[in-house]
Amino acid sequence: MYIRFAQTRRDSACRVAPGLFQASHRLPPFDVTDWRHHEIRRLYGWFNGNLAVPDRLSAKVGRHGARRGVCWIADDAARMVSEARYLAWLLEDIGIPINELRSHRPGVPIFADTHQIVVIPEANAPVTLH
């Protein structure tokens, strides 16, 4: 099983909603008095130090050229899931809605390690909102 935390709006480039890390582009101006902003930055730093950057984030699909992949967390990577849930909660608390999605087959895999998988999303992939 894989888990993905995604914004509620869709991204036309990868045809799905952007994930947690793209949410940083939508953050309101940094407020030094807001503990949530400090926590969000701390968590982004934690993920930068503990989650490998995939060596493949796109793939050529058919005659339409390259498509961007989507990252999912392995459900048995408990610490990653826990920190991602906390980050999702913080983002929601400052006004960026986040959904938790689950799937056994989220798409065509193009990269995987012990913590995550990157897939090219498929329209008929079985995904549930949790």
C-alpha atoms as a PDB file:
ATOM      1  CA  MET A   1       0.000   0.000   0.000  1.00  0.00           C
ATOM      2  CA  TYR A   2       1.174   3.515  -0.789  1.00  0.00           C
ATOM      3  CA  ILE A   3       0.085   6.831   0.707  1.00  0.00           C
ATOM      4  CA  ARG A   4       0.126  10.243  -0.914  1.00  0.00           C
ATOM      5  CA  PHE A   5      -0.682  13.601   0.586  1.00  0.00           C
ATOM      6  CA  ALA A   6      -1.948  15.884  -2.154  1.00  0.00           C
ATOM      7  CA  GLN A   7      -3.440  19.307  -2.487  1.00  0.00           C
ATOM      8  CA  THR A   8      -7.058  19.517  -3.550  1.00  0.00           C
ATOM      9  CA  ARG A   9      -6.311  21.409  -6.801  1.00  0.00           C
ATOM     10  CA  ARG A  10      -5.056  19.593  -9.924  1.00  0.00           C
ATOM     11  CA  ASP A  11      -1.826  20.215 -11.839  1.00  0.00           C
ATOM     12  CA  SER A  12      -2.216  19.942 -15.608  1.00  0.00           C
ATOM     13  CA  ALA A  13       1.440  18.960 -16.135  1.00  0.00           C
ATOM     14  CA  CYS A  14       1.145  15.638 -14.282  1.00  0.00           C
ATOM     15  CA  ARG A  15      -2.679  15.458 -14.436  1.00  0.00           C
ATOM     16  CA  VAL A  16      -3.073  15.031 -10.674  1.00  0.00           C
ATOM     17  CA  ALA A  17      -3.051  17.239  -7.595  1.00  0.00           C
ATOM     18  CA  PRO A  18       0.373  18.519  -6.473  1.00  0.00           C
ATOM     19  CA  GLY A  19       1.828  16.918  -3.372  1.00  0.00           C
ATOM     20  CA  LEU A  20       3.099  18.171  -0.024  1.00  0.00           C
ATOM     21  CA  PHE A  21       6.399  19.504  -1.265  1.00  0.00           C
ATOM     22  CA  GLN A  22       4.825  21.599  -4.025  1.00  0.00           C
ATOM     23  CA  ALA A  23       2.693  23.219  -1.319  1.00  0.00           C
ATOM     24  CA  SER A  24       5.725  25.274  -0.321  1.00  0.00           C
ATOM     25  CA  HIS A  25       5.074  27.376  -3.442  1.00  0.00           C
ATOM     26  CA  ARG A  26       1.670  28.336  -2.037  1.00  0.00           C
ATOM     27  CA  LEU A  27       2.782  29.242   1.483  1.00  0.00           C
ATOM     28  CA  PRO A  28       1.723  32.677   2.686  1.00  0.00           C
ATOM     29  CA  PRO A  29       4.548  35.136   3.458  1.00  0.00           C
ATOM     30  CA  PHE A  30       6.762  33.861   6.281  1.00  0.00           C
ATOM     31  CA  ASP A  31       5.578  35.080   9.675  1.00  0.00           C
ATOM     32  CA  VAL A  32       8.379  34.872  12.236  1.00  0.00           C
ATOM     33  CA  THR A  33       5.812  34.853  15.050  1.00  0.00           C
ATOM     34  CA  ASP A  34       3.879  31.877  13.672  1.00  0.00           C
ATOM     35  CA  TRP A  35       5.112  28.563  15.095  1.00  0.00           C
ATOM     36  CA  ARG A  36       3.480  26.680  12.203  1.00  0.00           C
ATOM     37  CA  HIS A  37       5.815  28.324   9.677  1.00  0.00           C
ATOM     38  CA  HIS A  38       8.809  27.289  11.772  1.00  0.00           C
ATOM     39  CA  GLU A  39       7.492  23.718  11.977  1.00  0.00           C
ATOM     40  CA  ILE A  40       6.834  23.557   8.228  1.00  0.00           C
ATOM     41  CA  ARG A  41      10.374  24.709   7.473  1.00  0.00           C
ATOM     42  CA  ARG A  42      11.761  22.252  10.045  1.00  0.00           C
ATOM     43  CA  LEU A  43       9.830  19.401   8.413  1.00  0.00           C
ATOM     44  CA  TYR A  44      10.983  20.341   4.910  1.00  0.00           C
ATOM     45  CA  GLY A  45      14.524  20.241   6.299  1.00  0.00           C
ATOM     46  CA  TRP A  46      13.874  16.850   7.896  1.00  0.00           C
ATOM     47  CA  PHE A  47      12.581  15.420   4.615  1.00  0.00           C
ATOM     48  CA  ASN A  48      15.568  16.891   2.745  1.00  0.00           C
ATOM     49  CA  GLY A  49      17.887  15.038   5.115  1.00  0.00           C
ATOM     50  CA  ASN A  50      15.971  11.753   5.326  1.00  0.00           C
ATOM     51  CA  LEU A  51      14.196  11.178   2.011  1.00  0.00           C
ATOM     52  CA  ALA A  52      16.264  10.541  -1.102  1.00  0.00           C
ATOM     53  CA  VAL A  53      15.570  12.622  -4.180  1.00  0.00           C
ATOM     54  CA  PRO A  54      14.440  10.111  -6.831  1.00  0.00           C
ATOM     55  CA  ASP A  55      16.863   9.737  -9.716  1.00  0.00           C
ATOM     56  CA  ARG A  56      13.933   9.570 -12.121  1.00  0.00           C
ATOM     57  CA  LEU A  57      10.949  11.910 -11.985  1.00  0.00           C
ATOM     58  CA  SER A  58       9.546  11.638 -15.503  1.00  0.00           C
ATOM     59  CA  ALA A  59       9.161   9.133 -18.310  1.00  0.00           C
ATOM     60  CA  LYS A  60       8.292   9.158 -21.993  1.00  0.00           C
ATOM     61  CA  VAL A  61       4.779   7.846 -22.411  1.00  0.00           C
ATOM     62  CA  GLY A  62       3.627   6.977 -25.909  1.00  0.00           C
ATOM     63  CA  ARG A  63       3.929   9.610 -28.600  1.00  0.00           C
ATOM     64  CA  HIS A  64       3.055  12.480 -26.268  1.00  0.00           C
ATOM     65  CA  GLY A  65       6.542  12.928 -24.836  1.00  0.00           C
ATOM     66  CA  ALA A  66       7.608  12.929 -21.211  1.00  0.00           C
ATOM     67  CA  ARG A  67       5.141  12.946 -18.336  1.00  0.00           C
ATOM     68  CA  ARG A  68       6.024  13.920 -14.787  1.00  0.00           C
ATOM     69  CA  GLY A  69       5.888  11.285 -12.111  1.00  0.00           C
ATOM     70  CA  VAL A  70       4.061  11.456  -8.807  1.00  0.00           C
ATOM     71  CA  CYS A  71       5.630  10.441  -5.495  1.00  0.00           C
ATOM     72  CA  TRP A  72       3.928   8.121  -3.019  1.00  0.00           C
ATOM     73  CA  ILE A  73       5.193   7.023   0.409  1.00  0.00           C
ATOM     74  CA  ALA A  74       5.351   3.318   1.263  1.00  0.00           C
ATOM     75  CA  ASP A  75       2.927   2.691   4.117  1.00  0.00           C
ATOM     76  CA  ASP A  76       5.551   0.678   6.008  1.00  0.00           C
ATOM     77  CA  ALA A  77       7.861   3.733   6.122  1.00  0.00           C
ATOM     78  CA  ALA A  78       6.171   4.688   9.390  1.00  0.00           C
ATOM     79  CA  ARG A  79       8.303   7.707  10.283  1.00  0.00           C
ATOM     80  CA  MET A  80       7.917   9.181   6.785  1.00  0.00           C
ATOM     81  CA  VAL A  81       4.148   8.728   6.934  1.00  0.00           C
ATOM     82  CA  SER A  82       3.961  10.224  10.425  1.00  0.00           C
ATOM     83  CA  GLU A  83       5.995  13.309   9.493  1.00  0.00           C
ATOM     84  CA  ALA A  84       4.014  13.716   6.257  1.00  0.00           C
ATOM     85  CA  ARG A  85       0.723  13.596   8.191  1.00  0.00           C
ATOM     86  CA  TYR A  86       1.990  16.271  10.551  1.00  0.00           C
ATOM     87  CA  LEU A  87       3.133  18.426   7.619  1.00  0.00           C
ATOM     88  CA  ALA A  88      -0.280  17.949   5.960  1.00  0.00           C
ATOM     89  CA  TRP A  89      -2.019  19.023   9.161  1.00  0.00           C
ATOM     90  CA  LEU A  90       0.162  22.154   9.412  1.00  0.00           C
ATOM     91  CA  LEU A  91      -0.487  23.073   5.777  1.00  0.00           C
ATOM     92  CA  GLU A  92      -4.230  22.643   6.253  1.00  0.00           C
ATOM     93  CA  ASP A  93      -4.085  24.756   9.397  1.00  0.00           C
ATOM     94  CA  ILE A  94      -2.647  27.686   7.416  1.00  0.00           C
ATOM     95  CA  GLY A  95      -5.181  27.319   4.600  1.00  0.00           C
ATOM     96  CA  ILE A  96      -3.733  24.825   2.096  1.00  0.00           C
ATOM     97  CA  PRO A  97      -6.175  21.870   1.906  1.00  0.00           C
ATOM     98  CA  ILE A  98      -4.523  18.441   1.736  1.00  0.00           C
ATOM     99  CA  ASN A  99      -6.061  15.025   1.023  1.00  0.00           C
ATOM    100  CA  GLU A 100      -4.615  11.696   2.150  1.00  0.00           C
ATOM    101  CA  LEU A 101      -4.821   9.175  -0.689  1.00  0.00           C
ATOM    102  CA  ARG A 102      -4.121   5.435  -0.617  1.00  0.00           C
ATOM    103  CA  SER A 103      -3.527   2.898  -3.344  1.00  0.00           C
ATOM    104  CA  HIS A 104      -2.028  -0.540  -3.902  1.00  0.00           C
ATOM    105  CA  ARG A 105      -1.320   0.358  -7.560  1.00  0.00           C
ATOM    106  CA  PRO A 106      -1.063   4.138  -7.974  1.00  0.00           C
ATOM    107  CA  GLY A 107       0.383   4.002 -11.495  1.00  0.00           C
ATOM    108  CA  VAL A 108       3.287   2.792 -13.614  1.00  0.00           C
ATOM    109  CA  PRO A 109       6.441   2.730 -11.429  1.00  0.00           C
ATOM    110  CA  ILE A 110       9.509   4.570 -12.711  1.00  0.00           C
ATOM    111  CA  PHE A 111      11.483   4.720  -9.422  1.00  0.00           C
ATOM    112  CA  ALA A 112      11.321   3.021  -6.035  1.00  0.00           C
ATOM    113  CA  ASP A 113      13.362   2.838  -2.852  1.00  0.00           C
ATOM    114  CA  THR A 114      12.584   1.686   0.693  1.00  0.00           C
ATOM    115  CA  HIS A 115      10.540   4.809   1.507  1.00  0.00           C
ATOM    116  CA  GLN A 116       8.800   5.831  -1.685  1.00  0.00           C
ATOM    117  CA  ILE A 117       7.717   5.091  -5.200  1.00  0.00           C
ATOM    118  CA  VAL A 118       7.443   7.431  -8.188  1.00  0.00           C
ATOM    119  CA  VAL A 119       4.767   6.529 -10.714  1.00  0.00           C
ATOM    120  CA  ILE A 120       3.287   7.846 -13.913  1.00  0.00           C
ATOM    121  CA  PRO A 121      -0.368   8.198 -12.881  1.00  0.00           C
ATOM    122  CA  GLU A 122      -3.016   6.207 -14.728  1.00  0.00           C
ATOM    123  CA  ALA A 123      -6.588   7.407 -15.086  1.00  0.00           C
ATOM    124  CA  ASN A 124      -8.009   4.107 -13.816  1.00  0.00           C
ATOM    125  CA  ALA A 125      -5.585   3.579 -10.897  1.00  0.00           C
ATOM    126  CA  PRO A 126      -7.517   2.478  -7.790  1.00  0.00           C
ATOM    127  CA  VAL A 127      -7.077   5.367  -5.340  1.00  0.00           C
ATOM    128  CA  THR A 128      -9.086   5.920  -2.163  1.00  0.00           C
ATOM    129  CA  LEU A 129      -9.469   9.070  -0.107  1.00  0.00           C
ATOM    130  CA  HIS A 130      -8.701   8.421   3.525  1.00  0.00           C
END
